[in-house]
Structure formats: C-alpha cells, structure tokens
Amino acid sequence: MPQQVLIVDDDDVNLMILEEILEDDYDLIRATTGIEAIEQVRQHHPALILLDIMMPRMDGYEACRRIKAGEAGDDIPHVIL
C-alpha cells in the first residue's frame, strides 16, 4: 500500500502538477488552506506534507507550526514549497 502524502496549495495548477508527478507512487490527499491541512492531518496522519508558504488567511509557516504543535502531526516531516 503506498504511503499517504498531503499536498497543500491554494493554487489548483500547482496541485495538479504535484498530483501528476506523485500519483503513481503515493496515495495523495489534497488541501487548499492551512485549516483544511490541519484537519487532513488529524484524519489521515500522512507520511509527508508538501506545504505551500503563500496562502490566504493562514500561511504555510503558521499551518506548519500548528500541525507540529498538535498531537497528530508532531512527527510528520514537512517540505515547504
């Protein structure tokens, strides 16, 4: 079973590109906001998070900080895009 990767970006084109690159090797989960990313981490506990920096309302740094502070996401590696 492929590992789950959470991709977080508010730009649909960026999400589509990442999905095309990764979809054959990973089980992908999408989020378009920092708040949605936090919820996806709680629900799925992915193996990796690919996280956009520039997003409205909550930027990638704040989303990363909140995920790392939560019990469900403190051990998940993040790649900031």
N, C-alpha and C. Protein backbone atom coordinates (compact mmCIF):
# COMPACT_ATOMS: atom_id res chain seq x y z
N MET A 1 0.85 -1.18 0.00
CA MET A 1 0.00 0.00 0.00
C MET A 1 0.90 1.25 0.00
N PRO A 2 0.66 2.17 -0.93
CA PRO A 2 1.50 3.38 -0.99
C PRO A 2 1.30 4.28 0.23
N GLN A 3 2.36 4.99 0.58
CA GLN A 3 2.26 5.94 1.69
C GLN A 3 1.43 7.14 1.28
N GLN A 4 0.79 7.76 2.26
CA GLN A 4 -0.02 8.94 2.01
C GLN A 4 0.84 10.19 2.09
N VAL A 5 0.61 11.08 1.13
CA VAL A 5 1.27 12.38 1.10
C VAL A 5 0.19 13.45 1.03
N LEU A 6 0.27 14.41 1.93
CA LEU A 6 -0.66 15.54 1.92
C LEU A 6 -0.02 16.68 1.15
N ILE A 7 -0.69 17.14 0.09
CA ILE A 7 -0.21 18.30 -0.65
C ILE A 7 -1.16 19.46 -0.36
N VAL A 8 -0.57 20.60 0.01
CA VAL A 8 -1.34 21.76 0.44
C VAL A 8 -0.94 22.96 -0.40
N ASP A 9 -1.87 23.47 -1.18
CA ASP A 9 -1.62 24.64 -2.00
C ASP A 9 -2.95 25.26 -2.38
N ASP A 10 -3.03 26.58 -2.40
CA ASP A 10 -4.27 27.25 -2.77
C ASP A 10 -4.38 27.43 -4.29
N ASP A 11 -3.36 27.05 -5.04
CA ASP A 11 -3.34 27.18 -6.49
C ASP A 11 -3.63 25.82 -7.12
N ASP A 12 -4.75 25.71 -7.83
CA ASP A 12 -5.16 24.44 -8.44
C ASP A 12 -4.13 23.91 -9.44
N VAL A 13 -3.46 24.80 -10.15
CA VAL A 13 -2.46 24.37 -11.13
C VAL A 13 -1.29 23.69 -10.41
N ASN A 14 -0.84 24.27 -9.31
CA ASN A 14 0.25 23.65 -8.55
C ASN A 14 -0.17 22.28 -8.00
N LEU A 15 -1.39 22.19 -7.50
CA LEU A 15 -1.88 20.91 -7.02
C LEU A 15 -1.92 19.88 -8.13
N MET A 16 -2.39 20.27 -9.30
CA MET A 16 -2.48 19.37 -10.43
C MET A 16 -1.09 18.87 -10.86
N ILE A 17 -0.10 19.76 -10.88
CA ILE A 17 1.26 19.38 -11.26
C ILE A 17 1.82 18.37 -10.25
N LEU A 18 1.67 18.68 -8.97
CA LEU A 18 2.17 17.75 -7.95
C LEU A 18 1.46 16.40 -8.03
N GLU A 19 0.17 16.42 -8.26
CA GLU A 19 -0.57 15.17 -8.39
C GLU A 19 -0.06 14.35 -9.56
N GLU A 20 0.17 14.99 -10.70
CA GLU A 20 0.66 14.27 -11.87
C GLU A 20 2.02 13.63 -11.61
N ILE A 21 2.87 14.32 -10.87
CA ILE A 21 4.20 13.81 -10.57
C ILE A 21 4.15 12.66 -9.57
N LEU A 22 3.28 12.74 -8.58
CA LEU A 22 3.31 11.82 -7.44
C LEU A 22 2.26 10.71 -7.45
N GLU A 23 1.22 10.84 -8.26
CA GLU A 23 0.07 9.96 -8.14
C GLU A 23 0.36 8.47 -8.38
N ASP A 24 1.37 8.15 -9.14
CA ASP A 24 1.67 6.74 -9.40
C ASP A 24 2.35 6.05 -8.22
N ASP A 25 2.98 6.83 -7.35
CA ASP A 25 3.77 6.24 -6.27
C ASP A 25 3.20 6.46 -4.87
N TYR A 26 2.24 7.39 -4.73
CA TYR A 26 1.74 7.75 -3.41
C TYR A 26 0.22 7.87 -3.42
N ASP A 27 -0.36 7.66 -2.27
CA ASP A 27 -1.78 7.92 -2.04
C ASP A 27 -1.87 9.40 -1.63
N LEU A 28 -2.44 10.23 -2.49
CA LEU A 28 -2.41 11.67 -2.27
C LEU A 28 -3.68 12.18 -1.58
N ILE A 29 -3.45 13.13 -0.69
CA ILE A 29 -4.52 13.84 -0.01
C ILE A 29 -4.32 15.31 -0.34
N ARG A 30 -5.38 16.03 -0.64
CA ARG A 30 -5.29 17.44 -1.00
C ARG A 30 -5.88 18.33 0.08
N ALA A 31 -5.30 19.52 0.17
CA ALA A 31 -5.88 20.58 0.98
C ALA A 31 -5.56 21.90 0.29
N THR A 32 -6.47 22.85 0.39
CA THR A 32 -6.26 24.14 -0.27
C THR A 32 -6.09 25.29 0.72
N THR A 33 -6.20 25.00 2.01
CA THR A 33 -5.99 26.01 3.05
C THR A 33 -5.21 25.39 4.20
N GLY A 34 -4.63 26.24 5.03
CA GLY A 34 -3.95 25.75 6.21
C GLY A 34 -4.88 25.05 7.17
N ILE A 35 -6.07 25.58 7.33
CA ILE A 35 -7.06 24.97 8.23
C ILE A 35 -7.47 23.59 7.74
N GLU A 36 -7.67 23.48 6.44
CA GLU A 36 -8.01 22.18 5.85
C GLU A 36 -6.85 21.20 6.02
N ALA A 37 -5.63 21.68 5.88
CA ALA A 37 -4.45 20.83 6.06
C ALA A 37 -4.40 20.25 7.47
N ILE A 38 -4.66 21.09 8.46
CA ILE A 38 -4.66 20.63 9.86
C ILE A 38 -5.69 19.52 10.05
N GLU A 39 -6.86 19.70 9.48
CA GLU A 39 -7.92 18.69 9.60
C GLU A 39 -7.52 17.39 8.88
N GLN A 40 -6.92 17.51 7.71
CA GLN A 40 -6.48 16.31 6.97
C GLN A 40 -5.42 15.54 7.75
N VAL A 41 -4.53 16.26 8.43
CA VAL A 41 -3.51 15.60 9.25
C VAL A 41 -4.18 14.82 10.38
N ARG A 42 -5.15 15.42 11.01
CA ARG A 42 -5.87 14.74 12.10
C ARG A 42 -6.58 13.47 11.60
N GLN A 43 -7.16 13.56 10.42
CA GLN A 43 -7.93 12.43 9.88
C GLN A 43 -7.05 11.32 9.31
N HIS A 44 -5.96 11.69 8.63
CA HIS A 44 -5.20 10.71 7.85
C HIS A 44 -3.79 10.42 8.34
N HIS A 45 -3.19 11.30 9.10
CA HIS A 45 -1.80 11.17 9.56
C HIS A 45 -0.87 10.73 8.41
N PRO A 46 -0.69 11.60 7.40
CA PRO A 46 0.13 11.24 6.24
C PRO A 46 1.60 11.05 6.61
N ALA A 47 2.34 10.40 5.73
CA ALA A 47 3.77 10.17 5.94
C ALA A 47 4.59 11.42 5.66
N LEU A 48 4.06 12.32 4.82
CA LEU A 48 4.77 13.54 4.40
C LEU A 48 3.77 14.63 4.08
N ILE A 49 4.16 15.89 4.34
CA ILE A 49 3.32 17.04 3.98
C ILE A 49 4.12 17.95 3.08
N LEU A 50 3.60 18.23 1.89
CA LEU A 50 4.16 19.23 0.98
C LEU A 50 3.29 20.46 1.12
N LEU A 51 3.89 21.56 1.60
CA LEU A 51 3.10 22.70 2.07
C LEU A 51 3.54 24.00 1.41
N ASP A 52 2.60 24.67 0.77
CA ASP A 52 2.83 25.98 0.17
C ASP A 52 3.00 27.03 1.27
N ILE A 53 3.84 28.00 1.03
CA ILE A 53 4.06 29.07 2.01
C ILE A 53 2.98 30.15 1.89
N MET A 54 2.74 30.62 0.68
CA MET A 54 1.85 31.77 0.45
C MET A 54 0.42 31.30 0.23
N MET A 55 -0.38 31.38 1.30
CA MET A 55 -1.79 31.05 1.22
C MET A 55 -2.58 32.10 1.99
N PRO A 56 -3.82 32.35 1.60
CA PRO A 56 -4.63 33.35 2.31
C PRO A 56 -5.02 32.87 3.70
N ARG A 57 -5.29 33.80 4.56
CA ARG A 57 -5.74 33.62 5.94
C ARG A 57 -4.71 32.95 6.85
N MET A 58 -4.14 31.82 6.46
CA MET A 58 -3.12 31.17 7.27
C MET A 58 -2.01 30.72 6.33
N ASP A 59 -0.82 31.32 6.48
CA ASP A 59 0.27 30.94 5.58
C ASP A 59 0.83 29.57 5.97
N GLY A 60 1.70 29.05 5.13
CA GLY A 60 2.27 27.73 5.34
C GLY A 60 3.07 27.61 6.62
N TYR A 61 3.76 28.67 7.01
CA TYR A 61 4.53 28.64 8.25
C TYR A 61 3.63 28.45 9.48
N GLU A 62 2.52 29.17 9.49
CA GLU A 62 1.59 29.05 10.62
C GLU A 62 0.93 27.68 10.62
N ALA A 63 0.54 27.19 9.43
CA ALA A 63 -0.05 25.85 9.35
C ALA A 63 0.95 24.81 9.84
N CYS A 64 2.20 24.93 9.45
CA CYS A 64 3.24 24.01 9.88
C CYS A 64 3.39 24.07 11.41
N ARG A 65 3.44 25.27 11.95
CA ARG A 65 3.59 25.43 13.40
C ARG A 65 2.43 24.75 14.14
N ARG A 66 1.21 24.94 13.65
CA ARG A 66 0.04 24.35 14.32
C ARG A 66 0.01 22.83 14.17
N ILE A 67 0.42 22.34 13.01
CA ILE A 67 0.46 20.89 12.81
C ILE A 67 1.50 20.27 13.73
N LYS A 68 2.68 20.89 13.80
CA LYS A 68 3.75 20.37 14.66
C LYS A 68 3.36 20.45 16.14
N ALA A 69 2.55 21.42 16.52
CA ALA A 69 2.13 21.58 17.91
C ALA A 69 1.06 20.57 18.30
N GLY A 70 0.36 20.03 17.32
CA GLY A 70 -0.70 19.08 17.61
C GLY A 70 -0.18 17.68 17.78
N GLU A 71 -0.90 16.91 18.53
CA GLU A 71 -0.51 15.53 18.81
C GLU A 71 -0.42 14.69 17.54
N ALA A 72 -1.31 14.92 16.58
CA ALA A 72 -1.37 14.08 15.38
C ALA A 72 -0.27 14.36 14.38
N GLY A 73 0.36 15.53 14.44
CA GLY A 73 1.30 15.88 13.38
C GLY A 73 2.71 16.19 13.81
N ASP A 74 3.03 15.97 15.07
CA ASP A 74 4.34 16.39 15.56
C ASP A 74 5.50 15.58 14.98
N ASP A 75 5.24 14.41 14.44
CA ASP A 75 6.32 13.59 13.90
C ASP A 75 6.32 13.49 12.38
N ILE A 76 5.48 14.24 11.70
CA ILE A 76 5.37 14.18 10.25
C ILE A 76 6.35 15.16 9.60
N PRO A 77 7.21 14.68 8.69
CA PRO A 77 8.11 15.61 8.00
C PRO A 77 7.32 16.54 7.07
N HIS A 78 7.80 17.77 6.96
CA HIS A 78 7.19 18.79 6.10
C HIS A 78 8.21 19.24 5.06
N VAL A 79 7.74 19.50 3.87
CA VAL A 79 8.53 20.16 2.84
C VAL A 79 7.78 21.44 2.51
N ILE A 80 8.42 22.58 2.76
CA ILE A 80 7.79 23.87 2.48
C ILE A 80 8.12 24.25 1.05
N LEU A 81 7.06 24.53 0.26
CA LEU A 81 7.23 24.87 -1.16
C LEU A 81 7.15 26.37 -1.36
